[in-house]
C-alpha atoms as a PDB file:
ATOM      1  CA  MET A   1      -0.135  -0.093  -0.012  1.00  0.00           C
ATOM      2  CA  ASN A   2       1.241   3.514  -0.836  1.00  0.00           C
ATOM      3  CA  SER A   3       2.811   5.437   2.090  1.00  0.00           C
ATOM      4  CA  ALA A   4       0.153   8.280   1.574  1.00  0.00           C
ATOM      5  CA  VAL A   5      -2.719   5.888   1.955  1.00  0.00           C
ATOM      6  CA  GLN A   6      -1.188   4.333   5.047  1.00  0.00           C
ATOM      7  CA  LEU A   7      -0.854   7.903   6.459  1.00  0.00           C
ATOM      8  CA  MET A   8      -4.603   8.542   5.673  1.00  0.00           C
ATOM      9  CA  LEU A   9      -5.706   5.386   7.435  1.00  0.00           C
ATOM     10  CA  ARG A  10      -3.521   6.188  10.551  1.00  0.00           C
ATOM     11  CA  ARG A  11      -5.176   9.688  10.734  1.00  0.00           C
ATOM     12  CA  GLY A  12      -8.843   8.375  10.761  1.00  0.00           C
ATOM     13  CA  MET A  13      -9.770   8.459   7.048  1.00  0.00           C
ATOM     14  CA  THR A  14     -12.878   6.235   6.147  1.00  0.00           C
ATOM     15  CA  THR A  15     -12.510   3.172   3.841  1.00  0.00           C
ATOM     16  CA  SER A  16     -15.195   4.481   1.681  1.00  0.00           C
ATOM     17  CA  LEU A  17     -13.371   7.816   0.913  1.00  0.00           C
ATOM     18  CA  LEU A  18     -10.404   5.714   0.095  1.00  0.00           C
ATOM     19  CA  ALA A  19     -12.308   3.201  -2.098  1.00  0.00           C
ATOM     20  CA  ASN A  20     -13.713   5.970  -4.353  1.00  0.00           C
ATOM     21  CA  ALA A  21     -10.653   7.740  -4.650  1.00  0.00           C
ATOM     22  CA  THR A  22      -8.014   7.575  -7.166  1.00  0.00           C
ATOM     23  CA  PRO A  23      -4.531   6.255  -6.605  1.00  0.00           C
ATOM     24  CA  PRO A  24      -2.808   8.847  -4.326  1.00  0.00           C
ATOM     25  CA  SER A  25      -0.148  10.953  -6.031  1.00  0.00           C
ATOM     26  CA  LYS A  26       2.595  13.419  -4.888  1.00  0.00           C
ATOM     27  CA  LEU A  27       0.171  16.219  -5.734  1.00  0.00           C
ATOM     28  CA  MET A  28      -2.609  14.703  -3.666  1.00  0.00           C
ATOM     29  CA  PHE A  29      -0.381  14.226  -0.711  1.00  0.00           C
ATOM     30  CA  GLN A  30       0.821  17.804  -1.060  1.00  0.00           C
ATOM     31  CA  ASN A  31      -2.848  19.114  -1.050  1.00  0.00           C
ATOM     32  CA  ILE A  32      -3.523  17.164   2.185  1.00  0.00           C
ATOM     33  CA  LEU A  33      -0.702  18.756   3.852  1.00  0.00           C
ATOM     34  CA  ASP A  34      -1.542  22.234   2.752  1.00  0.00           C
ATOM     35  CA  GLY A  35      -5.060  21.804   4.126  1.00  0.00           C
ATOM     36  CA  VAL A  36      -3.760  20.459   7.479  1.00  0.00           C
ATOM     37  CA  PHE A  37      -1.379  23.313   7.804  1.00  0.00           C
ATOM     38  CA  SER A  38      -3.816  26.001   6.784  1.00  0.00           C
ATOM     39  CA  GLY A  39      -6.395  24.783   9.299  1.00  0.00           C
ATOM     40  CA  LYS A  40      -9.163  23.932   6.763  1.00  0.00           C
ATOM     41  CA  SER A  41      -8.799  20.171   7.349  1.00  0.00           C
ATOM     42  CA  PRO A  42      -9.701  18.308  10.743  1.00  0.00           C
ATOM     43  CA  ILE A  43      -6.944  15.774  10.193  1.00  0.00           C
ATOM     44  CA  ASN A  44      -4.101  16.072  12.646  1.00  0.00           C
ATOM     45  CA  ILE A  45      -0.768  15.215  11.377  1.00  0.00           C
ATOM     46  CA  SER A  46       2.382  15.247  13.342  1.00  0.00           C
ATOM     47  CA  ILE A  47       4.950  17.799  12.245  1.00  0.00           C
ATOM     48  CA  ARG A  48       7.728  15.246  13.249  1.00  0.00           C
ATOM     49  CA  SER A  49       6.884  13.066  10.235  1.00  0.00           C
ATOM     50  CA  VAL A  50       7.808  16.150   7.930  1.00  0.00           C
ATOM     51  CA  HIS A  51      11.383  16.570   6.884  1.00  0.00           C
ATOM     52  CA  GLN A  52      12.772  19.931   7.954  1.00  0.00           C
ATOM     53  CA  GLU A  53      16.172  21.139   6.627  1.00  0.00           C
ATOM     54  CA  LEU A  54      18.408  22.980   8.863  1.00  0.00           C
ATOM     55  CA  ASN A  55      20.402  25.914   7.756  1.00  0.00           C
ATOM     56  CA  LEU A  56      23.643  25.019   9.429  1.00  0.00           C
ATOM     57  CA  PRO A  57      26.215  27.867   9.758  1.00  0.00           C
ATOM     58  CA  LYS A  58      29.137  27.711   7.254  1.00  0.00           C
ATOM     59  CA  ILE A  59      32.685  28.723   7.669  1.00  0.00           C
ATOM     60  CA  GLY A  60      34.130  31.432   5.260  1.00  0.00           C
ATOM     61  CA  GLY A  61      32.676  34.553   3.716  1.00  0.00           C
ATOM     62  CA  GLY A  62      34.660  36.772   6.121  1.00  0.00           C
ATOM     63  CA  ARG A  63      33.052  35.206   9.152  1.00  0.00           C
ATOM     64  CA  GLN A  64      35.187  34.348  12.024  1.00  0.00           C
ATOM     65  CA  PHE A  65      32.632  33.596  14.693  1.00  0.00           C
ATOM     66  CA  LYS A  66      34.945  35.217  17.137  1.00  0.00           C
ATOM     67  CA  TYR A  67      33.088  38.474  18.107  1.00  0.00           C
ATOM     68  CA  ILE A  68      30.486  40.755  16.639  1.00  0.00           C
ATOM     69  CA  VAL A  69      30.550  44.481  16.983  1.00  0.00           C
ATOM     70  CA  LEU A  70      27.511  46.232  18.392  1.00  0.00           C
ATOM     71  CA  TYR A  71      27.724  49.298  16.025  1.00  0.00           C
ATOM     72  CA  PRO A  72      25.649  52.515  17.212  1.00  0.00           C
ATOM     73  CA  LEU A  73      23.389  54.423  14.936  1.00  0.00           C
ATOM     74  CA  LYS A  74      25.625  57.308  14.643  1.00  0.00           C
ATOM     75  CA  TYR A  75      29.464  57.449  13.960  1.00  0.00           C
ATOM     76  CA  THR A  76      31.627  57.753  17.139  1.00  0.00           C
ATOM     77  CA  THR A  77      35.401  57.856  18.031  1.00  0.00           C
ATOM     78  CA  LYS A  78      34.799  56.195  21.305  1.00  0.00           C
ATOM     79  CA  PRO A  79      35.444  52.366  21.845  1.00  0.00           C
ATOM     80  CA  ILE A  80      32.484  50.350  20.798  1.00  0.00           C
ATOM     81  CA  PRO A  81      31.312  47.382  22.914  1.00  0.00           C
ATOM     82  CA  ILE A  82      31.496  43.830  21.268  1.00  0.00           C
ATOM     83  CA  ARG A  83      30.023  40.551  22.090  1.00  0.00           C
ATOM     84  CA  LYS A  84      32.195  37.452  22.062  1.00  0.00           C
ATOM     85  CA  LEU A  85      30.969  34.454  20.404  1.00  0.00           C
ATOM     86  CA  GLY A  86      33.451  31.816  21.417  1.00  0.00           C
ATOM     87  CA  GLY A  87      33.152  29.915  18.008  1.00  0.00           C
ATOM     88  CA  ARG A  88      29.472  29.778  17.931  1.00  0.00           C
ATOM     89  CA  ASP A  89      27.005  30.980  15.470  1.00  0.00           C
ATOM     90  CA  PRO A  90      25.141  34.153  16.781  1.00  0.00           C
ATOM     91  CA  ILE A  91      21.849  32.917  15.316  1.00  0.00           C
ATOM     92  CA  THR A  92      21.557  29.173  15.971  1.00  0.00           C
ATOM     93  CA  GLY A  93      24.205  28.865  18.788  1.00  0.00           C
ATOM     94  CA  ARG A  94      25.924  26.016  17.098  1.00  0.00           C
ATOM     95  CA  LYS A  95      29.575  25.511  17.715  1.00  0.00           C
ATOM     96  CA  VAL A  96      31.316  26.182  14.355  1.00  0.00           C
ATOM     97  CA  VAL A  97      34.951  26.867  15.421  1.00  0.00           C
ATOM     98  CA  GLN A  98      36.616  24.979  18.163  1.00  0.00           C
ATOM     99  CA  GLY A  99      39.674  27.093  18.349  1.00  0.00           C
ATOM    100  CA  TRP A 100      38.126  30.365  19.660  1.00  0.00           C
ATOM    101  CA  GLY A 101      37.257  31.056  23.349  1.00  0.00           C
ATOM    102  CA  GLY A 102      37.908  33.349  26.262  1.00  0.00           C
ATOM    103  CA  GLY A 103      40.497  36.226  25.857  1.00  0.00           C
ATOM    104  CA  LYS A 104      40.945  39.568  27.382  1.00  0.00           C
ATOM    105  CA  LYS A 105      38.652  42.594  27.091  1.00  0.00           C
ATOM    106  CA  LEU A 106      38.835  44.152  23.467  1.00  0.00           C
ATOM    107  CA  SER A 107      38.382  47.797  22.532  1.00  0.00           C
ATOM    108  CA  TYR A 108      37.131  48.133  19.102  1.00  0.00           C
ATOM    109  CA  PHE A 109      37.479  51.493  17.303  1.00  0.00           C
ATOM    110  CA  TRP A 110      35.280  52.258  14.360  1.00  0.00           C
ATOM    111  CA  ILE A 111      37.516  53.180  11.229  1.00  0.00           C
ATOM    112  CA  ASP A 112      35.995  55.480   8.676  1.00  0.00           C
ATOM    113  CA  ASN A 113      37.527  54.129   5.380  1.00  0.00           C
ATOM    114  CA  LYS A 114      35.663  56.488   3.117  1.00  0.00           C
ATOM    115  CA  ARG A 115      37.905  59.202   2.335  1.00  0.00           C
ATOM    116  CA  ILE A 116      35.448  61.664   0.777  1.00  0.00           C
ATOM    117  CA  GLY A 117      36.831  65.008  -0.548  1.00  0.00           C
ATOM    118  CA  PRO A 118      35.847  67.788  -2.988  1.00  0.00           C
ATOM    119  CA  LYS A 119      35.915  67.093  -6.611  1.00  0.00           C
ATOM    120  CA  GLU A 120      37.208  70.566  -7.473  1.00  0.00           C
ATOM    121  CA  GLY A 121      38.939  73.288  -5.515  1.00  0.00           C
ATOM    122  CA  PRO A 122      41.318  72.871  -2.634  1.00  0.00           C
ATOM    123  CA  PRO A 123      41.350  69.547  -0.891  1.00  0.00           C
ATOM    124  CA  LEU A 124      40.014  68.618   2.595  1.00  0.00           C
ATOM    125  CA  VAL A 125      42.848  69.103   5.168  1.00  0.00           C
ATOM    126  CA  GLU A 126      42.857  67.174   8.511  1.00  0.00           C
ATOM    127  CA  ARG A 127      45.302  67.122  11.296  1.00  0.00           C
ATOM    128  CA  VAL A 128      46.575  63.958  13.176  1.00  0.00           C
ATOM    129  CA  LEU A 129      45.707  64.339  16.809  1.00  0.00           C
ATOM    130  CA  LYS A 130      46.465  60.985  18.089  1.00  0.00           C
ATOM    131  CA  ILE A 131      48.034  57.615  17.047  1.00  0.00           C
ATOM    132  CA  ASP A 132      46.735  54.565  19.046  1.00  0.00           C
ATOM    133  CA  LYS A 133      46.506  50.659  18.847  1.00  0.00           C
ATOM    134  CA  CYS A 134      43.350  48.641  18.589  1.00  0.00           C
ATOM    135  CA  ASP A 135      43.035  45.369  19.755  1.00  0.00           C
ATOM    136  CA  CYS A 136      40.790  44.290  16.849  1.00  0.00           C
ATOM    137  CA  HIS A 137      42.879  45.699  14.071  1.00  0.00           C
ATOM    138  CA  THR A 138      46.508  44.847  13.013  1.00  0.00           C
ATOM    139  CA  PRO A 139      47.606  48.260  11.966  1.00  0.00           C
ATOM    140  CA  PHE A 140      47.934  51.298  14.129  1.00  0.00           C
ATOM    141  CA  LEU A 141      45.106  53.832  13.953  1.00  0.00           C
ATOM    142  CA  ALA A 142      45.255  57.596  13.746  1.00  0.00           C
ATOM    143  CA  LEU A 143      42.678  60.037  15.022  1.00  0.00           C
ATOM    144  CA  VAL A 144      42.314  63.101  12.585  1.00  0.00           C
ATOM    145  CA  GLY A 145      40.048  66.006  12.926  1.00  0.00           C
ATOM    146  CA  HIS A 146      38.687  68.851  10.677  1.00  0.00           C
ATOM    147  CA  GLY A 147      36.622  71.540  12.433  1.00  0.00           C
ATOM    148  CA  ASP A 148      34.338  69.912  14.902  1.00  0.00           C
ATOM    149  CA  GLN A 149      34.381  66.496  13.166  1.00  0.00           C
ATOM    150  CA  MET A 150      37.003  63.588  14.089  1.00  0.00           C
ATOM    151  CA  ARG A 151      37.403  60.179  12.878  1.00  0.00           C
ATOM    152  CA  TRP A 152      39.748  57.096  13.011  1.00  0.00           C
ATOM    153  CA  ILE A 153      41.802  56.164   9.852  1.00  0.00           C
ATOM    154  CA  ILE A 154      44.547  53.775   9.234  1.00  0.00           C
ATOM    155  CA  ALA A 155      47.992  55.134   9.974  1.00  0.00           C
ATOM    156  CA  THR A 156      51.043  54.830   7.728  1.00  0.00           C
ATOM    157  CA  ILE A 157      54.586  54.028   8.774  1.00  0.00           C
ATOM    158  CA  ASN A 158      56.061  57.601   9.071  1.00  0.00           C
ATOM    159  CA  MET A 159      52.757  59.206  10.316  1.00  0.00           C
ATOM    160  CA  LYS A 160      53.157  61.112  13.473  1.00  0.00           C
ATOM    161  CA  VAL A 161      51.074  63.490  15.567  1.00  0.00           C
ATOM    162  CA  GLY A 162      50.662  67.012  14.021  1.00  0.00           C
ATOM    163  CA  ASP A 163      51.016  65.859  10.422  1.00  0.00           C
ATOM    164  CA  LEU A 164      48.323  67.122   7.844  1.00  0.00           C
ATOM    165  CA  VAL A 165      46.591  64.638   5.594  1.00  0.00           C
ATOM    166  CA  LYS A 166      44.696  65.755   2.464  1.00  0.00           C
ATOM    167  CA  THR A 167      41.839  64.338   0.610  1.00  0.00           C
ATOM    168  CA  SER A 168      40.617  65.307  -2.847  1.00  0.00           C
ATOM    169  CA  ARG A 169      38.710  63.556  -5.660  1.00  0.00           C
ATOM    170  CA  GLU A 170      40.028  65.581  -8.500  1.00  0.00           C
ATOM    171  CA  ILE A 171      42.099  63.892 -11.289  1.00  0.00           C
ATOM    172  CA  PRO A 172      44.503  66.594 -12.581  1.00  0.00           C
ATOM    173  CA  ARG A 173      46.179  66.540 -16.023  1.00  0.00           C
ATOM    174  CA  ILE A 174      49.512  66.283 -14.286  1.00  0.00           C
ATOM    175  CA  PRO A 175      49.826  63.503 -11.574  1.00  0.00           C
ATOM    176  CA  VAL A 176      50.068  64.718  -7.923  1.00  0.00           C
ATOM    177  CA  GLN A 177      53.107  64.235  -5.693  1.00  0.00           C
ATOM    178  CA  PRO A 178      51.203  63.230  -2.424  1.00  0.00           C
ATOM    179  CA  ASN A 179      52.596  62.881   1.110  1.00  0.00           C
ATOM    180  CA  GLU A 180      51.973  59.718   3.329  1.00  0.00           C
ATOM    181  CA  GLY A 181      48.375  59.639   4.331  1.00  0.00           C
ATOM    182  CA  ASP A 182      47.043  61.722   1.431  1.00  0.00           C
ATOM    183  CA  ALA A 183      44.070  60.254  -0.433  1.00  0.00           C
ATOM    184  CA  HIS A 184      43.455  60.731  -4.161  1.00  0.00           C
ATOM    185  CA  PRO A 185      41.782  58.810  -6.973  1.00  0.00           C
ATOM    186  CA  LEU A 186      44.109  56.005  -8.490  1.00  0.00           C
ATOM    187  CA  GLY A 187      44.229  58.003 -11.763  1.00  0.00           C
ATOM    188  CA  ALA A 188      45.784  61.027  -9.944  1.00  0.00           C
ATOM    189  CA  PHE A 189      48.892  59.026  -8.728  1.00  0.00           C
ATOM    190  CA  PRO A 190      51.904  58.658 -10.819  1.00  0.00           C
ATOM    191  CA  ILE A 191      53.196  55.401 -11.849  1.00  0.00           C
ATOM    192  CA  GLY A 192      55.410  53.599  -9.194  1.00  0.00           C
ATOM    193  CA  SER A 193      53.521  55.087  -6.124  1.00  0.00           C
ATOM    194  CA  GLU A 194      52.796  52.896  -3.115  1.00  0.00           C
ATOM    195  CA  VAL A 195      49.066  53.011  -2.164  1.00  0.00           C
ATOM    196  CA  HIS A 196      46.750  51.115   0.288  1.00  0.00           C
ATOM    197  CA  ASN A 197      43.239  51.154   1.432  1.00  0.00           C
ATOM    198  CA  ILE A 198      41.900  50.969  -2.082  1.00  0.00           C
ATOM    199  CA  GLU A 199      38.303  51.110  -3.306  1.00  0.00           C
ATOM    200  CA  THR A 200      37.001  48.259  -5.518  1.00  0.00           C
ATOM    201  CA  VAL A 201      33.827  50.456  -6.414  1.00  0.00           C
ATOM    202  CA  PRO A 202      33.992  54.229  -6.360  1.00  0.00           C
ATOM    203  CA  GLY A 203      32.377  55.592  -3.440  1.00  0.00           C
ATOM    204  CA  GLN A 204      32.266  52.251  -1.585  1.00  0.00           C
ATOM    205  CA  GLY A 205      35.084  52.777   0.925  1.00  0.00           C
ATOM    206  CA  GLY A 206      38.465  51.140   1.119  1.00  0.00           C
ATOM    207  CA  VAL A 207      38.360  47.510   1.414  1.00  0.00           C
ATOM    208  CA  PHE A 208      41.682  46.429  -0.377  1.00  0.00           C
ATOM    209  CA  VAL A 209      45.149  46.270   1.236  1.00  0.00           C
ATOM    210  CA  VAL A 210      43.949  47.224   4.831  1.00  0.00           C
ATOM    211  CA  ASN A 211      46.115  44.856   6.928  1.00  0.00           C
ATOM    212  CA  ALA A 212      49.256  45.875   8.812  1.00  0.00           C
ATOM    213  CA  GLY A 213      52.379  46.344   6.442  1.00  0.00           C
ATOM    214  CA  GLY A 214      50.237  46.076   3.327  1.00  0.00           C
ATOM    215  CA  ARG A 215      50.921  48.151   0.370  1.00  0.00           C
ATOM    216  CA  GLY A 216      50.503  47.984  -3.563  1.00  0.00           C
ATOM    217  CA  THR A 217      52.583  49.662  -6.346  1.00  0.00           C
ATOM    218  CA  ILE A 218      50.906  51.301  -9.280  1.00  0.00           C
ATOM    219  CA  VAL A 219      52.627  49.668 -12.411  1.00  0.00           C
ATOM    220  CA  LYS A 220      50.688  51.083 -15.434  1.00  0.00           C
ATOM    221  CA  LYS A 221      47.509  52.759 -16.607  1.00  0.00           C
ATOM    222  CA  VAL A 222      45.246  51.582 -19.492  1.00  0.00           C
ATOM    223  CA  GLY A 223      42.496  53.701 -20.401  1.00  0.00           C
ATOM    224  CA  ASP A 224      40.168  54.162 -17.552  1.00  0.00           C
ATOM    225  CA  ARG A 225      41.834  51.231 -15.586  1.00  0.00           C
ATOM    226  CA  VAL A 226      44.825  51.292 -13.280  1.00  0.00           C
ATOM    227  CA  ILE A 227      46.865  48.266 -12.650  1.00  0.00           C
ATOM    228  CA  VAL A 228      48.235  47.722  -8.974  1.00  0.00           C
ATOM    229  CA  ARG A 229      50.664  45.029  -8.180  1.00  0.00           C
ATOM    230  CA  LEU A 230      50.833  43.737  -4.572  1.00  0.00           C
ATOM    231  CA  GLU A 231      53.695  42.262  -2.633  1.00  0.00           C
ATOM    232  CA  SER A 232      52.545  38.782  -3.636  1.00  0.00           C
ATOM    233  CA  LYS A 233      53.297  39.698  -7.210  1.00  0.00           C
ATOM    234  CA  ASP A 234      49.461  39.508  -8.085  1.00  0.00           C
ATOM    235  CA  GLU A 235      48.135  42.370 -10.254  1.00  0.00           C
ATOM    236  CA  PHE A 236      44.651  43.981  -9.852  1.00  0.00           C
ATOM    237  CA  SER A 237      42.827  46.407 -12.219  1.00  0.00           C
ATOM    238  CA  PHE A 238      40.768  49.087 -10.621  1.00  0.00           C
ATOM    239  CA  SER A 239      38.986  52.061 -11.985  1.00  0.00           C
ATOM    240  CA  LYS A 240      40.938  55.308 -12.079  1.00  0.00           C
ATOM    241  CA  TYR A 241      38.048  56.773  -9.982  1.00  0.00           C
ATOM    242  CA  CYS A 242      38.594  54.547  -7.041  1.00  0.00           C
ATOM    243  CA  MET A 243      39.984  56.348  -4.073  1.00  0.00           C
ATOM    244  CA  ALA A 244      43.270  55.122  -2.491  1.00  0.00           C
ATOM    245  CA  VAL A 245      45.790  56.409   0.243  1.00  0.00           C
ATOM    246  CA  SER A 246      49.432  57.105  -0.262  1.00  0.00           C
ATOM    247  CA  GLY A 247      52.150  55.162   1.598  1.00  0.00           C
ATOM    248  CA  ARG A 248      52.510  51.921   3.271  1.00  0.00           C
ATOM    249  CA  ILE A 249      50.337  50.857   6.286  1.00  0.00           C
ATOM    250  CA  SER A 250      51.900  50.805   9.773  1.00  0.00           C
ATOM    251  CA  ASN A 251      52.897  48.036  12.080  1.00  0.00           C
ATOM    252  CA  GLU A 252      54.778  46.221   9.443  1.00  0.00           C
ATOM    253  CA  ASN A 253      56.512  43.850  11.863  1.00  0.00           C
ATOM    254  CA  HIS A 254      53.087  42.443  13.185  1.00  0.00           C
ATOM    255  CA  CYS A 255      53.608  38.994  11.600  1.00  0.00           C
ATOM    256  CA  ASN A 256      57.001  38.637  13.067  1.00  0.00           C
ATOM    257  CA  ILE A 257      56.108  39.149  16.746  1.00  0.00           C
ATOM    258  CA  PRO A 258      56.490  35.911  18.449  1.00  0.00           C
ATOM    259  CA  ILE A 259      53.596  34.604  20.766  1.00  0.00           C
ATOM    260  CA  GLY A 260      56.075  33.453  23.584  1.00  0.00           C
ATOM    261  CA  SER A 261      53.687  31.693  25.948  1.00  0.00           C
ATOM    262  CA  PRO A 262      50.246  29.954  26.319  1.00  0.00           C
ATOM    263  CA  ASN A 263      49.052  32.902  28.407  1.00  0.00           C
ATOM    264  CA  LYS A 264      49.512  35.178  25.414  1.00  0.00           C
ATOM    265  CA  LEU A 265      47.514  32.689  23.221  1.00  0.00           C
ATOM    266  CA  ARG A 266      44.682  32.865  25.764  1.00  0.00           C
ATOM    267  CA  GLU A 267      44.787  36.882  25.739  1.00  0.00           C
ATOM    268  CA  LEU A 268      44.410  36.614  21.842  1.00  0.00           C
ATOM    269  CA  GLY A 269      41.172  34.520  22.167  1.00  0.00           C
ATOM    270  CA  TYR A 270      42.505  31.026  21.574  1.00  0.00           C
ATOM    271  CA  ALA A 271      40.912  28.237  23.551  1.00  0.00           C
ATOM    272  CA  PRO A 272      43.070  25.885  25.379  1.00  0.00           C
ATOM    273  CA  ARG A 273      43.435  22.301  24.148  1.00  0.00           C
ATOM    274  CA  SER A 274      41.999  19.310  26.043  1.00  0.00           C
ATOM    275  CA  GLY A 275      43.730  18.345  29.294  1.00  0.00           C
ATOM    276  CA  LEU A 276      43.761  14.730  28.397  1.00  0.00           C
ATOM    277  CA  TRP A 277      47.054  13.275  27.293  1.00  0.00           C
ATOM    278  CA  HIS A 278      46.515  11.718  23.920  1.00  0.00           C
ATOM    279  CA  ARG A 279      49.331   9.209  23.514  1.00  0.00           C
ATOM    280  CA  LYS A 280      50.169   7.904  19.973  1.00  0.00           C
ATOM    281  CA  ASP A 281      46.975   9.110  18.545  1.00  0.00           C
ATOM    282  CA  GLY A 282      48.595   9.889  15.092  1.00  0.00           C
ATOM    283  CA  ARG A 283      47.731  13.505  15.086  1.00  0.00           C
ATOM    284  CA  PHE A 284      51.189  14.698  14.413  1.00  0.00           C
ATOM    285  CA  GLY A 285      52.562  11.780  12.619  1.00  0.00           C
ATOM    286  CA  ARG A 286      54.975   8.971  13.648  1.00  0.00           C
ATOM    287  CA  LYS A 287      57.859   9.646  16.038  1.00  0.00           C
ATOM    288  CA  LEU A 288      61.298   8.984  14.356  1.00  0.00           C
ATOM    289  CA  LYS A 289      63.909   7.562  16.785  1.00  0.00           C
ATOM    290  CA  LYS A 290      67.670   7.356  16.313  1.00  0.00           C
ATOM    291  CA  PRO A 291      69.161   3.925  15.528  1.00  0.00           C
ATOM    292  CA  LYS A 292      70.647   2.301  18.523  1.00  0.00           C
ATOM    293  CA  LEU A 293      74.483   2.328  18.864  1.00  0.00           C
ATOM    294  CA  PHE A 294      76.632  -0.938  18.621  1.00  0.00           C
ATOM    295  CA  LEU A 295      80.273  -1.869  19.596  1.00  0.00           C
ATOM    296  CA  VAL A 296      82.831  -2.844  17.088  1.00  0.00           C
ATOM    297  CA  ASP A 297      85.283  -5.608  18.100  1.00  0.00           C
ATOM    298  CA  GLU A 298      88.622  -4.185  17.071  1.00  0.00           C
ATOM    299  CA  GLU A 299      90.085  -7.677  16.858  1.00  0.00           C
ATOM    300  CA  ARG A 300      87.698  -8.975  14.370  1.00  0.00           C
ATOM    301  CA  ARG A 301      87.677  -5.880  12.294  1.00  0.00           C
ATOM    302  CA  HIS A 302      90.572  -6.911  10.081  1.00  0.00           C
ATOM    303  CA  VAL A 303      89.577 -10.500   9.936  1.00  0.00           C
ATOM    304  CA  LYS A 304      88.706 -11.614   6.282  1.00  0.00           C
ATOM    305  CA  GLU A 305      85.232 -13.000   6.261  1.00  0.00           C
ATOM    306  CA  GLU A 306      84.492 -16.309   5.031  1.00  0.00           C
ATOM    307  CA  PHE A 307      81.667 -17.078   2.658  1.00  0.00           C
ATOM    308  CA  PHE A 308      80.020 -20.487   2.127  1.00  0.00           C
ATOM    309  CA  HIS A 309      78.393 -21.271  -1.070  1.00  0.00           C
ATOM    310  CA  MET A 310      75.531 -23.779  -0.791  1.00  0.00           C
ATOM    311  CA  ASN A 311      74.537 -25.037  -4.219  1.00  0.00           C
ATOM    312  CA  TYR A 312      73.502 -28.192  -5.738  1.00  0.00           C
ATOM    313  CA  ASN A 313      73.540 -29.841  -9.326  1.00  0.00           C
ATOM    314  CA  TRP A 314      70.100 -29.312 -10.687  1.00  0.00           C
ATOM    315  CA  TRP A 315      70.521 -32.147 -13.273  1.00  0.00           C
ATOM    316  CA  ASP A 316      70.738 -34.598 -10.449  1.00  0.00           C
ATOM    317  CA  VAL A 317      67.535 -33.354  -8.841  1.00  0.00           C
ATOM    318  CA  MET A 318      65.553 -33.332 -12.314  1.00  0.00           C
ATOM    319  CA  GLN A 319      66.439 -36.901 -13.097  1.00  0.00           C
ATOM    320  CA  PRO A 320      63.750 -39.561 -12.236  1.00  0.00           C
ATOM    321  CA  PRO A 321      64.589 -42.062  -9.575  1.00  0.00           C
ATOM    322  CA  GLN A 322      66.419 -45.320 -10.767  1.00  0.00           C
ATOM    323  CA  THR A 323      64.400 -48.616 -10.713  1.00  0.00           C
ATOM    324  CA  ARG A 324      65.948 -51.210  -8.675  1.00  0.00           C
ATOM    325  CA  HIS A 325      65.637 -54.914  -9.678  1.00  0.00           C
ATOM    326  CA  TRP A 326      65.802 -57.617  -7.021  1.00  0.00           C
END
């Protein structure tokens, strides 16, 4: 009997209804379920019998499952509170990454990557008020201000307090000679300039080359496109209207700083390993041991070795046995 008919019998359907009905199909079974879930049918069907797909969290796409930032509605230069996830998905609560957990209190500063300036006329000039370190960002940050407005930007290597940084969206006929921290469109930089914090779409904000020590070099210009080469020798093409910042990002020795102790890993938010001692579990391969030392007898070192060759005549073996006559 069909599974749909069995389900109808278990739920109290009469035999006369089933006798006059046509053989159940997928569409018929779907209509029954739609009537039950909509409340038009008196039949009670358990929801447990219906397969439900779970949207399990997936790793990747820029998601670390380490913490989420509770951004306010308005931009601020004060530290923003964060909520640690400990490797769990914030929606389902499922464990995704086993390595995250714990760590010290983190201070998050909101970086304004949109360097918006005038298209014509004098550029926007801002003064560097402070250079600080953020626990959630690898480069150093610079607090710049203009008038009554302040914001955090990515600091360059040689940037210091009191410097002036300029921002302009004008592309002049002659390439500009920018200082470190000045923001211009890629089409305004001369060939060979080092840039960072590059936009992929004009007006989007810098999302390319934003980590500590990062830089890109403008190698050539083709029409409305600008080719930028990274330190990995990869080349990318951008529109000449995309904004970029001159210079190299600060804290270039970030990747060379040793961890030093397990306590430092706990501060960085890495969960400790299991306390159990797993002997020979094969996680790190096989242990290679040195061969054992053996002593050499000095008296027998110069004695000529004797070899005994044990062979036989194969013809005698292959001959049949002789017949004896009595």
